[in-house]
Amino acid sequence: MYALVDPRDGRARYVGVTTRPLLARLAGHHSAACGRLRDWFADLASVGTGPTIVALEWIDGTSRDACEAECEWIAFLNDDGRLLNERVRANLTHKHTAGKSTAPHSTE
């Protein structure tokens, strides 16, 4: 599980799942970004920067486990409505509860 982060404010703008090394996944985003993600990349490039990629969680389970974790991270990190994920745009139902203060799968 990873996030693409805006280096200008340190906030996550995209959450994803990959089995590839993070830098390879970031390169894949650069070469195939479309829609709002492509627009964000162009905005960053216009000020001479690009997104950073950070690991959020390692999932040791099934594809379904990874999908569920992705939805939880999207809900957790989208409190400000800035995520660019298509899942956010589709208004999927998430297990996020109001007032939740810890990240998904946190031990706190």
C-alpha atoms as a PDB file:
ATOM      1  CA  MET A   1       0.000   0.000   0.000  1.00  0.00           C
ATOM      2  CA  TYR A   2       1.434   3.381  -0.952  1.00  0.00           C
ATOM      3  CA  ALA A   3       0.547   7.050  -1.199  1.00  0.00           C
ATOM      4  CA  LEU A   4       1.592   9.667  -3.707  1.00  0.00           C
ATOM      5  CA  VAL A   5       2.312  12.794  -1.718  1.00  0.00           C
ATOM      6  CA  ASP A   6       2.389  16.440  -2.740  1.00  0.00           C
ATOM      7  CA  PRO A   7       5.835  17.710  -1.691  1.00  0.00           C
ATOM      8  CA  ARG A   8       4.485  21.260  -1.350  1.00  0.00           C
ATOM      9  CA  ASP A   9       2.258  20.449   1.609  1.00  0.00           C
ATOM     10  CA  GLY A  10       3.080  16.841   2.559  1.00  0.00           C
ATOM     11  CA  ARG A  11      -0.481  15.652   1.972  1.00  0.00           C
ATOM     12  CA  ALA A  12      -1.435  12.416   0.252  1.00  0.00           C
ATOM     13  CA  ARG A  13      -3.177  12.904  -3.088  1.00  0.00           C
ATOM     14  CA  TYR A  14      -3.445   9.259  -4.230  1.00  0.00           C
ATOM     15  CA  VAL A  15      -3.519   5.852  -2.540  1.00  0.00           C
ATOM     16  CA  GLY A  16      -2.685   2.630  -4.339  1.00  0.00           C
ATOM     17  CA  VAL A  17      -1.665  -1.001  -4.113  1.00  0.00           C
ATOM     18  CA  THR A  18       1.331  -2.484  -5.886  1.00  0.00           C
ATOM     19  CA  THR A  19       3.480  -5.578  -5.939  1.00  0.00           C
ATOM     20  CA  ARG A  20       6.235  -3.642  -7.709  1.00  0.00           C
ATOM     21  CA  PRO A  21       9.069  -1.666  -6.071  1.00  0.00           C
ATOM     22  CA  LEU A  22       7.761   1.782  -5.148  1.00  0.00           C
ATOM     23  CA  LEU A  23      10.037   3.723  -7.505  1.00  0.00           C
ATOM     24  CA  ALA A  24       9.003   1.472 -10.391  1.00  0.00           C
ATOM     25  CA  ARG A  25       5.351   2.111  -9.533  1.00  0.00           C
ATOM     26  CA  LEU A  26       5.973   5.861  -9.422  1.00  0.00           C
ATOM     27  CA  ALA A  27       7.597   5.687 -12.870  1.00  0.00           C
ATOM     28  CA  GLY A  28       4.547   3.784 -14.101  1.00  0.00           C
ATOM     29  CA  HIS A  29       2.281   6.553 -12.865  1.00  0.00           C
ATOM     30  CA  HIS A  30       4.367   9.148 -14.691  1.00  0.00           C
ATOM     31  CA  SER A  31       4.148   7.284 -17.983  1.00  0.00           C
ATOM     32  CA  ALA A  32       0.443   6.384 -17.813  1.00  0.00           C
ATOM     33  CA  ALA A  33      -1.292   9.025 -15.686  1.00  0.00           C
ATOM     34  CA  CYS A  34      -4.628  10.277 -16.954  1.00  0.00           C
ATOM     35  CA  GLY A  35      -7.391  12.607 -15.852  1.00  0.00           C
ATOM     36  CA  ARG A  36      -7.040  14.374 -12.542  1.00  0.00           C
ATOM     37  CA  LEU A  37      -3.815  12.530 -11.674  1.00  0.00           C
ATOM     38  CA  ARG A  38      -2.195  13.687 -14.925  1.00  0.00           C
ATOM     39  CA  ASP A  39      -3.356  17.250 -14.222  1.00  0.00           C
ATOM     40  CA  TRP A  40      -1.815  17.128 -10.741  1.00  0.00           C
ATOM     41  CA  PHE A  41       1.479  15.810 -12.158  1.00  0.00           C
ATOM     42  CA  ALA A  42       1.479  18.681 -14.691  1.00  0.00           C
ATOM     43  CA  ASP A  43       0.801  21.198 -11.917  1.00  0.00           C
ATOM     44  CA  LEU A  44       3.735  19.851  -9.917  1.00  0.00           C
ATOM     45  CA  ALA A  45       5.987  19.873 -12.989  1.00  0.00           C
ATOM     46  CA  SER A  46       5.091  23.520 -13.654  1.00  0.00           C
ATOM     47  CA  VAL A  47       6.779  24.435 -10.366  1.00  0.00           C
ATOM     48  CA  GLY A  48       9.720  22.106 -10.939  1.00  0.00           C
ATOM     49  CA  THR A  49       8.769  19.214  -8.693  1.00  0.00           C
ATOM     50  CA  GLY A  50       6.934  15.895  -8.712  1.00  0.00           C
ATOM     51  CA  PRO A  51       5.099  13.617  -6.309  1.00  0.00           C
ATOM     52  CA  THR A  52       6.870  11.532  -3.725  1.00  0.00           C
ATOM     53  CA  ILE A  53       5.854   7.953  -3.031  1.00  0.00           C
ATOM     54  CA  VAL A  54       5.670   6.547   0.492  1.00  0.00           C
ATOM     55  CA  ALA A  55       4.827   3.097   1.809  1.00  0.00           C
ATOM     56  CA  LEU A  56       1.738   3.063   4.006  1.00  0.00           C
ATOM     57  CA  GLU A  57       1.405  -0.629   4.828  1.00  0.00           C
ATOM     58  CA  TRP A  58       2.591  -4.043   3.705  1.00  0.00           C
ATOM     59  CA  ILE A  59      -0.325  -6.393   3.023  1.00  0.00           C
ATOM     60  CA  ASP A  60       0.338 -10.089   3.554  1.00  0.00           C
ATOM     61  CA  GLY A  61      -2.884 -11.528   2.241  1.00  0.00           C
ATOM     62  CA  THR A  62      -5.170 -11.876  -0.729  1.00  0.00           C
ATOM     63  CA  SER A  63      -6.050  -9.358  -3.425  1.00  0.00           C
ATOM     64  CA  ARG A  64      -9.333  -8.861  -1.594  1.00  0.00           C
ATOM     65  CA  ASP A  65      -7.426  -8.025   1.614  1.00  0.00           C
ATOM     66  CA  ALA A  66      -5.397  -5.466  -0.335  1.00  0.00           C
ATOM     67  CA  CYS A  67      -8.524  -3.937  -1.869  1.00  0.00           C
ATOM     68  CA  GLU A  68     -10.186  -3.636   1.534  1.00  0.00           C
ATOM     69  CA  ALA A  69      -7.069  -2.047   3.016  1.00  0.00           C
ATOM     70  CA  GLU A  70      -6.893   0.376   0.085  1.00  0.00           C
ATOM     71  CA  CYS A  71     -10.493   1.461   0.728  1.00  0.00           C
ATOM     72  CA  GLU A  72      -9.723   1.975   4.411  1.00  0.00           C
ATOM     73  CA  TRP A  73      -6.638   4.089   3.630  1.00  0.00           C
ATOM     74  CA  ILE A  74      -8.588   6.122   1.075  1.00  0.00           C
ATOM     75  CA  ALA A  75     -11.290   6.841   3.632  1.00  0.00           C
ATOM     76  CA  PHE A  76      -8.730   7.698   6.315  1.00  0.00           C
ATOM     77  CA  LEU A  77      -6.679  10.032   4.114  1.00  0.00           C
ATOM     78  CA  ASN A  78      -9.547  11.699   2.261  1.00  0.00           C
ATOM     79  CA  ASP A  79     -10.940  13.743   5.137  1.00  0.00           C
ATOM     80  CA  ASP A  80     -10.074  16.915   3.199  1.00  0.00           C
ATOM     81  CA  GLY A  81     -11.457  15.601  -0.110  1.00  0.00           C
ATOM     82  CA  ARG A  82      -8.142  15.997  -1.941  1.00  0.00           C
ATOM     83  CA  LEU A  83      -7.495  12.402  -3.007  1.00  0.00           C
ATOM     84  CA  LEU A  84      -7.526  11.859  -6.751  1.00  0.00           C
ATOM     85  CA  ASN A  85      -8.412   8.149  -6.676  1.00  0.00           C
ATOM     86  CA  GLU A  86     -11.202   7.040  -8.976  1.00  0.00           C
ATOM     87  CA  ARG A  87     -12.661   5.103  -6.016  1.00  0.00           C
ATOM     88  CA  VAL A  88     -13.206   8.453  -4.329  1.00  0.00           C
ATOM     89  CA  ARG A  89     -14.874   9.839  -7.445  1.00  0.00           C
ATOM     90  CA  ALA A  90     -17.204   6.829  -7.576  1.00  0.00           C
ATOM     91  CA  ASN A  91     -18.384   7.582  -4.009  1.00  0.00           C
ATOM     92  CA  LEU A  92     -17.772   4.057  -2.747  1.00  0.00           C
ATOM     93  CA  THR A  93     -18.875   3.226   0.770  1.00  0.00           C
ATOM     94  CA  HIS A  94     -15.972   3.017   3.180  1.00  0.00           C
ATOM     95  CA  LYS A  95     -15.626   1.673   6.702  1.00  0.00           C
ATOM     96  CA  HIS A  96     -14.283   5.030   7.902  1.00  0.00           C
ATOM     97  CA  THR A  97     -15.954   6.269  11.064  1.00  0.00           C
ATOM     98  CA  ALA A  98     -16.235   9.856  12.225  1.00  0.00           C
ATOM     99  CA  GLY A  99     -13.613  10.854  14.746  1.00  0.00           C
ATOM    100  CA  LYS A 100     -11.214   8.037  13.867  1.00  0.00           C
ATOM    101  CA  SER A 101      -7.742   9.246  14.774  1.00  0.00           C
ATOM    102  CA  THR A 102      -5.472   6.335  13.907  1.00  0.00           C
ATOM    103  CA  ALA A 103      -4.470   4.931  10.557  1.00  0.00           C
ATOM    104  CA  PRO A 104      -6.001   1.685   9.320  1.00  0.00           C
ATOM    105  CA  HIS A 105      -4.380  -1.382  10.836  1.00  0.00           C
ATOM    106  CA  SER A 106      -2.622   0.816  13.390  1.00  0.00           C
ATOM    107  CA  THR A 107      -1.540  -0.733  16.662  1.00  0.00           C
ATOM    108  CA  GLU A 108      -2.365   2.441  18.611  1.00  0.00           C
END
